[in-house]
Amino acid sequence: TAPESEKDYAEAFASLPKISWQGHCMYCGHCAPCP
């Protein structure tokens, strides 16, 4: 029942100092909304 903002991992993962997922789709949904 947590808000989506608390579940969202995308920005946290993108800023991790030892790990990078650049270029890899994480299915996080940040690309939405599509027109």
All heavy atoms as atom14 arrays in JSON, in Angstrom:
{
  "sequence": "TAPESEKDYAEAFASLPKISWQGHCMYCGHCAPCP",
  "atom14_mask": [
    [1, 1, 1, 1, 1, 1, 1, 0, 0, 0, 0, 0, 0, 0],
    [1, 1, 1, 1, 1, 0, 0, 0, 0, 0, 0, 0, 0, 0],
    [1, 1, 1, 1, 1, 1, 1, 0, 0, 0, 0, 0, 0, 0],
    [1, 1, 1, 1, 1, 1, 1, 1, 1, 0, 0, 0, 0, 0],
    [1, 1, 1, 1, 1, 1, 0, 0, 0, 0, 0, 0, 0, 0],
    [1, 1, 1, 1, 1, 1, 1, 1, 1, 0, 0, 0, 0, 0],
    [1, 1, 1, 1, 1, 1, 1, 1, 1, 0, 0, 0, 0, 0],
    [1, 1, 1, 1, 1, 1, 1, 1, 0, 0, 0, 0, 0, 0],
    [1, 1, 1, 1, 1, 1, 1, 1, 1, 1, 1, 1, 0, 0],
    [1, 1, 1, 1, 1, 0, 0, 0, 0, 0, 0, 0, 0, 0],
    [1, 1, 1, 1, 1, 1, 1, 1, 1, 0, 0, 0, 0, 0],
    [1, 1, 1, 1, 1, 0, 0, 0, 0, 0, 0, 0, 0, 0],
    [1, 1, 1, 1, 1, 1, 1, 1, 1, 1, 1, 0, 0, 0],
    [1, 1, 1, 1, 1, 0, 0, 0, 0, 0, 0, 0, 0, 0],
    [1, 1, 1, 1, 1, 1, 0, 0, 0, 0, 0, 0, 0, 0],
    [1, 1, 1, 1, 1, 1, 1, 1, 0, 0, 0, 0, 0, 0],
    [1, 1, 1, 1, 1, 1, 1, 0, 0, 0, 0, 0, 0, 0],
    [1, 1, 1, 1, 1, 1, 1, 1, 1, 0, 0, 0, 0, 0],
    [1, 1, 1, 1, 1, 1, 1, 1, 0, 0, 0, 0, 0, 0],
    [1, 1, 1, 1, 1, 1, 0, 0, 0, 0, 0, 0, 0, 0],
    [1, 1, 1, 1, 1, 1, 1, 1, 1, 1, 1, 1, 1, 1],
    [1, 1, 1, 1, 1, 1, 1, 1, 1, 0, 0, 0, 0, 0],
    [1, 1, 1, 1, 0, 0, 0, 0, 0, 0, 0, 0, 0, 0],
    [1, 1, 1, 1, 1, 1, 1, 1, 1, 1, 0, 0, 0, 0],
    [1, 1, 1, 1, 1, 1, 0, 0, 0, 0, 0, 0, 0, 0],
    [1, 1, 1, 1, 1, 1, 1, 1, 0, 0, 0, 0, 0, 0],
    [1, 1, 1, 1, 1, 1, 1, 1, 1, 1, 1, 1, 0, 0],
    [1, 1, 1, 1, 1, 1, 0, 0, 0, 0, 0, 0, 0, 0],
    [1, 1, 1, 1, 0, 0, 0, 0, 0, 0, 0, 0, 0, 0],
    [1, 1, 1, 1, 1, 1, 1, 1, 1, 1, 0, 0, 0, 0],
    [1, 1, 1, 1, 1, 1, 0, 0, 0, 0, 0, 0, 0, 0],
    [1, 1, 1, 1, 1, 0, 0, 0, 0, 0, 0, 0, 0, 0],
    [1, 1, 1, 1, 1, 1, 1, 0, 0, 0, 0, 0, 0, 0],
    [1, 1, 1, 1, 1, 1, 0, 0, 0, 0, 0, 0, 0, 0],
    [1, 1, 1, 1, 1, 1, 1, 0, 0, 0, 0, 0, 0, 0]
  ],
  "atom14_positions": [
    [[0.82, -1.21, 0.0], [0.0, 0.0, 0.0], [0.86, 1.27, 0.0], [0.33, 2.37, 0.12], [-0.93, 0.02, 1.22], [-0.15, -0.16, 2.42], [-1.97, -1.09, 1.14], [0.0, 0.0, 0.0], [0.0, 0.0, 0.0], [0.0, 0.0, 0.0], [0.0, 0.0, 0.0], [0.0, 0.0, 0.0], [0.0, 0.0, 0.0], [0.0, 0.0, 0.0]],
    [[2.16, 1.12, -0.14], [3.05, 2.29, -0.16], [2.88, 3.07, -1.45], [2.57, 2.5, -2.5], [4.5, 1.84, -0.01], [0.0, 0.0, 0.0], [0.0, 0.0, 0.0], [0.0, 0.0, 0.0], [0.0, 0.0, 0.0], [0.0, 0.0, 0.0], [0.0, 0.0, 0.0], [0.0, 0.0, 0.0], [0.0, 0.0, 0.0], [0.0, 0.0, 0.0]],
    [[3.07, 4.38, -1.42], [2.98, 5.17, -2.66], [4.09, 4.78, -3.62], [5.16, 4.34, -3.22], [3.14, 6.61, -2.15], [3.8, 6.5, -0.82], [3.34, 5.2, -0.23], [0.0, 0.0, 0.0], [0.0, 0.0, 0.0], [0.0, 0.0, 0.0], [0.0, 0.0, 0.0], [0.0, 0.0, 0.0], [0.0, 0.0, 0.0], [0.0, 0.0, 0.0]],
    [[3.82, 4.98, -4.91], [4.8, 4.6, -5.93], [6.12, 5.34, -5.73], [7.19, 4.81, -6.05], [4.23, 4.9, -7.32], [3.07, 4.0, -7.72], [3.46, 2.53, -7.73], [4.55, 2.2, -8.24], [2.68, 1.71, -7.2], [0.0, 0.0, 0.0], [0.0, 0.0, 0.0], [0.0, 0.0, 0.0], [0.0, 0.0, 0.0], [0.0, 0.0, 0.0]],
    [[6.06, 6.54, -5.2], [7.29, 7.32, -5.0], [8.24, 6.64, -4.02], [9.46, 6.78, -4.13], [6.94, 8.72, -4.49], [6.23, 8.65, -3.26], [0.0, 0.0, 0.0], [0.0, 0.0, 0.0], [0.0, 0.0, 0.0], [0.0, 0.0, 0.0], [0.0, 0.0, 0.0], [0.0, 0.0, 0.0], [0.0, 0.0, 0.0], [0.0, 0.0, 0.0]],
    [[7.68, 5.89, -3.06], [8.52, 5.19, -2.09], [9.06, 3.87, -2.65], [10.06, 3.35, -2.15], [7.75, 4.95, -0.79], [7.42, 6.23, -0.04], [6.78, 5.96, 1.3], [6.97, 4.85, 1.84], [6.08, 6.86, 1.81], [0.0, 0.0, 0.0], [0.0, 0.0, 0.0], [0.0, 0.0, 0.0], [0.0, 0.0, 0.0], [0.0, 0.0, 0.0]],
    [[8.38, 3.3, -3.65], [8.85, 2.06, -4.26], [9.89, 2.33, -5.35], [10.7, 1.45, -5.66], [7.66, 1.32, -4.89], [6.58, 0.9, -3.93], [5.43, 0.23, -4.68], [4.31, -0.17, -3.76], [3.19, -0.81, -4.5], [0.0, 0.0, 0.0], [0.0, 0.0, 0.0], [0.0, 0.0, 0.0], [0.0, 0.0, 0.0], [0.0, 0.0, 0.0]],
    [[9.85, 3.51, -5.91], [10.67, 3.84, -7.07], [12.16, 3.69, -6.75], [12.68, 4.29, -5.83], [10.37, 5.28, -7.49], [11.15, 5.7, -8.72], [11.6, 4.81, -9.47], [11.31, 6.91, -8.92], [0.0, 0.0, 0.0], [0.0, 0.0, 0.0], [0.0, 0.0, 0.0], [0.0, 0.0, 0.0], [0.0, 0.0, 0.0], [0.0, 0.0, 0.0]],
    [[12.82, 2.84, -7.54], [14.26, 2.61, -7.33], [15.12, 3.26, -8.4], [16.35, 3.29, -8.3], [14.56, 1.1, -7.34], [14.03, 0.35, -8.54], [14.66, 0.45, -9.77], [12.92, -0.48, -8.44], [14.17, -0.23, -10.89], [12.43, -1.17, -9.54], [13.07, -1.04, -10.76], [12.6, -1.72, -11.85], [0.0, 0.0, 0.0], [0.0, 0.0, 0.0]],
    [[14.52, 3.8, -9.44], [15.29, 4.23, -10.61], [16.32, 5.31, -10.27], [17.51, 5.16, -10.57], [14.35, 4.73, -11.69], [0.0, 0.0, 0.0], [0.0, 0.0, 0.0], [0.0, 0.0, 0.0], [0.0, 0.0, 0.0], [0.0, 0.0, 0.0], [0.0, 0.0, 0.0], [0.0, 0.0, 0.0], [0.0, 0.0, 0.0], [0.0, 0.0, 0.0]],
    [[15.91, 6.4, -9.66], [16.84, 7.49, -9.39], [17.91, 7.06, -8.39], [19.08, 7.44, -8.52], [16.08, 8.72, -8.9], [15.21, 9.35, -9.98], [14.55, 10.64, -9.52], [14.92, 11.12, -8.43], [13.7, 11.16, -10.26], [0.0, 0.0, 0.0], [0.0, 0.0, 0.0], [0.0, 0.0, 0.0], [0.0, 0.0, 0.0], [0.0, 0.0, 0.0]],
    [[17.52, 6.25, -7.4], [18.49, 5.78, -6.42], [19.54, 4.9, -7.11], [20.74, 5.03, -6.86], [17.79, 5.0, -5.32], [0.0, 0.0, 0.0], [0.0, 0.0, 0.0], [0.0, 0.0, 0.0], [0.0, 0.0, 0.0], [0.0, 0.0, 0.0], [0.0, 0.0, 0.0], [0.0, 0.0, 0.0], [0.0, 0.0, 0.0], [0.0, 0.0, 0.0]],
    [[19.08, 3.99, -7.97], [20.01, 3.1, -8.65], [20.92, 3.87, -9.61], [22.09, 3.53, -9.77], [19.25, 2.03, -9.43], [18.63, 0.96, -8.58], [18.54, 1.1, -7.21], [18.15, -0.2, -9.15], [17.96, 0.12, -6.42], [17.58, -1.2, -8.38], [17.48, -1.04, -7.0], [0.0, 0.0, 0.0], [0.0, 0.0, 0.0], [0.0, 0.0, 0.0]],
    [[20.36, 4.87, -10.25], [21.14, 5.64, -11.21], [22.27, 6.42, -10.55], [23.24, 6.8, -11.2], [20.24, 6.59, -11.99], [0.0, 0.0, 0.0], [0.0, 0.0, 0.0], [0.0, 0.0, 0.0], [0.0, 0.0, 0.0], [0.0, 0.0, 0.0], [0.0, 0.0, 0.0], [0.0, 0.0, 0.0], [0.0, 0.0, 0.0], [0.0, 0.0, 0.0]],
    [[22.16, 6.65, -9.24], [23.17, 7.44, -8.54], [24.08, 6.6, -7.65], [24.91, 7.15, -6.92], [22.48, 8.51, -7.68], [21.69, 7.9, -6.66], [0.0, 0.0, 0.0], [0.0, 0.0, 0.0], [0.0, 0.0, 0.0], [0.0, 0.0, 0.0], [0.0, 0.0, 0.0], [0.0, 0.0, 0.0], [0.0, 0.0, 0.0], [0.0, 0.0, 0.0]],
    [[23.96, 5.27, -7.7], [24.81, 4.43, -6.86], [26.27, 4.57, -7.28], [26.59, 4.51, -8.47], [24.37, 2.97, -6.95], [23.0, 2.63, -6.33], [22.64, 1.18, -6.59], [23.0, 2.92, -4.83], [0.0, 0.0, 0.0], [0.0, 0.0, 0.0], [0.0, 0.0, 0.0], [0.0, 0.0, 0.0], [0.0, 0.0, 0.0], [0.0, 0.0, 0.0]],
    [[27.18, 4.72, -6.31], [28.57, 4.98, -6.66], [29.33, 3.8, -7.25], [30.31, 3.98, -7.96], [29.2, 5.41, -5.33], [28.31, 4.84, -4.28], [26.93, 4.84, -4.86], [0.0, 0.0, 0.0], [0.0, 0.0, 0.0], [0.0, 0.0, 0.0], [0.0, 0.0, 0.0], [0.0, 0.0, 0.0], [0.0, 0.0, 0.0], [0.0, 0.0, 0.0]],
    [[28.88, 2.55, -6.95], [29.65, 1.39, -7.4], [28.97, 0.59, -8.51], [29.52, -0.41, -8.98], [29.91, 0.45, -6.22], [30.84, 1.02, -5.16], [31.14, -0.04, -4.12], [32.11, 0.46, -3.06], [32.43, -0.59, -2.06], [0.0, 0.0, 0.0], [0.0, 0.0, 0.0], [0.0, 0.0, 0.0], [0.0, 0.0, 0.0], [0.0, 0.0, 0.0]],
    [[27.77, 0.98, -8.91], [26.99, 0.17, -9.84], [26.38, 1.07, -10.91], [25.92, 2.17, -10.62], [25.88, -0.59, -9.08], [26.51, -1.69, -8.21], [24.89, -1.22, -10.03], [25.53, -2.4, -7.33], [0.0, 0.0, 0.0], [0.0, 0.0, 0.0], [0.0, 0.0, 0.0], [0.0, 0.0, 0.0], [0.0, 0.0, 0.0], [0.0, 0.0, 0.0]],
    [[26.33, 0.58, -12.14], [25.72, 1.35, -13.22], [24.9, 0.45, -14.12], [25.34, -0.65, -14.47], [26.81, 2.04, -14.05], [26.23, 2.65, -15.19], [0.0, 0.0, 0.0], [0.0, 0.0, 0.0], [0.0, 0.0, 0.0], [0.0, 0.0, 0.0], [0.0, 0.0, 0.0], [0.0, 0.0, 0.0], [0.0, 0.0, 0.0], [0.0, 0.0, 0.0]],
    [[23.71, 0.94, -14.48], [22.86, 0.23, -15.43], [22.66, 1.06, -16.7], [21.64, 0.94, -17.36], [21.48, -0.06, -14.82], [21.44, -1.22, -13.89], [21.23, -2.53, -14.22], [21.58, -1.2, -12.47], [21.24, -3.32, -13.09], [21.46, -2.52, -11.99], [21.82, -0.17, -11.54], [21.55, -2.85, -10.65], [21.91, -0.5, -10.22], [21.78, -1.83, -9.77]],
    [[23.62, 1.89, -17.04], [23.46, 2.77, -18.19], [23.18, 1.98, -19.47], [23.88, 1.01, -19.79], [24.71, 3.62, -18.39], [24.87, 4.71, -17.34], [23.67, 5.65, -17.31], [23.37, 6.29, -18.29], [23.01, 5.74, -16.16], [0.0, 0.0, 0.0], [0.0, 0.0, 0.0], [0.0, 0.0, 0.0], [0.0, 0.0, 0.0], [0.0, 0.0, 0.0]],
    [[22.11, 2.36, -20.15], [21.73, 1.72, -21.4], [20.87, 0.48, -21.24], [20.44, -0.11, -22.23], [0.0, 0.0, 0.0], [0.0, 0.0, 0.0], [0.0, 0.0, 0.0], [0.0, 0.0, 0.0], [0.0, 0.0, 0.0], [0.0, 0.0, 0.0], [0.0, 0.0, 0.0], [0.0, 0.0, 0.0], [0.0, 0.0, 0.0], [0.0, 0.0, 0.0]],
    [[20.59, 0.1, -19.97], [19.83, -1.13, -19.72], [18.45, -0.79, -19.18], [18.33, -0.11, -18.16], [20.57, -2.0, -18.71], [19.96, -3.34, -18.49], [20.3, -4.45, -19.23], [19.0, -3.75, -17.62], [19.59, -5.48, -18.83], [18.8, -5.08, -17.84], [0.0, 0.0, 0.0], [0.0, 0.0, 0.0], [0.0, 0.0, 0.0], [0.0, 0.0, 0.0]],
    [[17.4, -1.25, -19.85], [16.04, -0.98, -19.37], [15.77, -1.74, -18.09], [15.94, -2.96, -18.02], [15.02, -1.37, -20.44], [13.31, -1.05, -19.93], [0.0, 0.0, 0.0], [0.0, 0.0, 0.0], [0.0, 0.0, 0.0], [0.0, 0.0, 0.0], [0.0, 0.0, 0.0], [0.0, 0.0, 0.0], [0.0, 0.0, 0.0], [0.0, 0.0, 0.0]],
    [[15.33, -1.01, -17.07], [15.04, -1.61, -15.77], [13.55, -1.83, -15.57], [13.12, -2.23, -14.49], [15.57, -0.69, -14.67], [17.07, -0.45, -14.74], [18.01, -1.93, -14.35], [17.75, -2.0, -12.59], [0.0, 0.0, 0.0], [0.0, 0.0, 0.0], [0.0, 0.0, 0.0], [0.0, 0.0, 0.0], [0.0, 0.0, 0.0], [0.0, 0.0, 0.0]],
    [[12.72, -1.51, -16.59], [11.26, -1.65, -16.51], [10.7, -0.81, -15.36], [9.71, -1.17, -14.73], [10.85, -3.11, -16.34], [11.54, -4.07, -17.27], [12.2, -5.19, -16.8], [11.54, -3.85, -18.66], [12.84, -6.07, -17.66], [12.18, -4.72, -19.53], [12.84, -5.83, -19.02], [13.48, -6.69, -19.88], [0.0, 0.0, 0.0], [0.0, 0.0, 0.0]],
    [[11.36, 0.32, -15.07], [10.97, 1.13, -13.92], [9.77, 2.04, -14.22], [9.13, 2.54, -13.29], [12.15, 1.97, -13.44], [12.7, 3.24, -14.62], [0.0, 0.0, 0.0], [0.0, 0.0, 0.0], [0.0, 0.0, 0.0], [0.0, 0.0, 0.0], [0.0, 0.0, 0.0], [0.0, 0.0, 0.0], [0.0, 0.0, 0.0], [0.0, 0.0, 0.0]],
    [[9.49, 2.3, -15.5], [8.33, 3.1, -15.87], [8.56, 4.6, -15.91], [7.61, 5.36, -16.13], [0.0, 0.0, 0.0], [0.0, 0.0, 0.0], [0.0, 0.0, 0.0], [0.0, 0.0, 0.0], [0.0, 0.0, 0.0], [0.0, 0.0, 0.0], [0.0, 0.0, 0.0], [0.0, 0.0, 0.0], [0.0, 0.0, 0.0], [0.0, 0.0, 0.0]],
    [[9.8, 5.05, -15.71], [10.07, 6.49, -15.75], [9.88, 7.07, -17.15], [9.77, 8.29, -17.29], [11.48, 6.78, -15.24], [11.55, 6.97, -13.77], [11.78, 8.17, -13.17], [11.39, 6.09, -12.75], [11.77, 8.05, -11.86], [11.54, 6.78, -11.58], [0.0, 0.0, 0.0], [0.0, 0.0, 0.0], [0.0, 0.0, 0.0], [0.0, 0.0, 0.0]],
    [[9.86, 6.23, -18.16], [9.65, 6.7, -19.53], [8.23, 7.23, -19.75], [7.97, 7.99, -20.67], [9.94, 5.58, -20.52], [9.15, 4.02, -20.09], [0.0, 0.0, 0.0], [0.0, 0.0, 0.0], [0.0, 0.0, 0.0], [0.0, 0.0, 0.0], [0.0, 0.0, 0.0], [0.0, 0.0, 0.0], [0.0, 0.0, 0.0], [0.0, 0.0, 0.0]],
    [[7.29, 6.81, -18.91], [5.9, 7.24, -19.04], [5.73, 8.68, -18.55], [6.54, 9.17, -17.75], [5.0, 6.3, -18.24], [0.0, 0.0, 0.0], [0.0, 0.0, 0.0], [0.0, 0.0, 0.0], [0.0, 0.0, 0.0], [0.0, 0.0, 0.0], [0.0, 0.0, 0.0], [0.0, 0.0, 0.0], [0.0, 0.0, 0.0], [0.0, 0.0, 0.0]],
    [[4.69, 9.39, -19.02], [3.66, 8.9, -19.95], [4.04, 9.14, -21.41], [4.69, 10.13, -21.72], [2.44, 9.76, -19.58], [3.05, 11.07, -19.14], [4.34, 10.71, -18.45], [0.0, 0.0, 0.0], [0.0, 0.0, 0.0], [0.0, 0.0, 0.0], [0.0, 0.0, 0.0], [0.0, 0.0, 0.0], [0.0, 0.0, 0.0], [0.0, 0.0, 0.0]],
    [[3.63, 8.2, -22.26], [3.83, 8.35, -23.7], [2.64, 9.13, -24.27], [1.48, 8.83, -23.93], [3.92, 6.98, -24.36], [3.85, 7.0, -26.16], [0.0, 0.0, 0.0], [0.0, 0.0, 0.0], [0.0, 0.0, 0.0], [0.0, 0.0, 0.0], [0.0, 0.0, 0.0], [0.0, 0.0, 0.0], [0.0, 0.0, 0.0], [0.0, 0.0, 0.0]],
    [[2.86, 10.11, -25.14], [1.73, 10.88, -25.68], [0.77, 10.04, -26.51], [-0.38, 10.43, -26.69], [2.42, 11.95, -26.55], [3.77, 11.42, -26.84], [4.16, 10.63, -25.63], [0.0, 0.0, 0.0], [0.0, 0.0, 0.0], [0.0, 0.0, 0.0], [0.0, 0.0, 0.0], [0.0, 0.0, 0.0], [0.0, 0.0, 0.0], [0.0, 0.0, 0.0]]
  ]
}
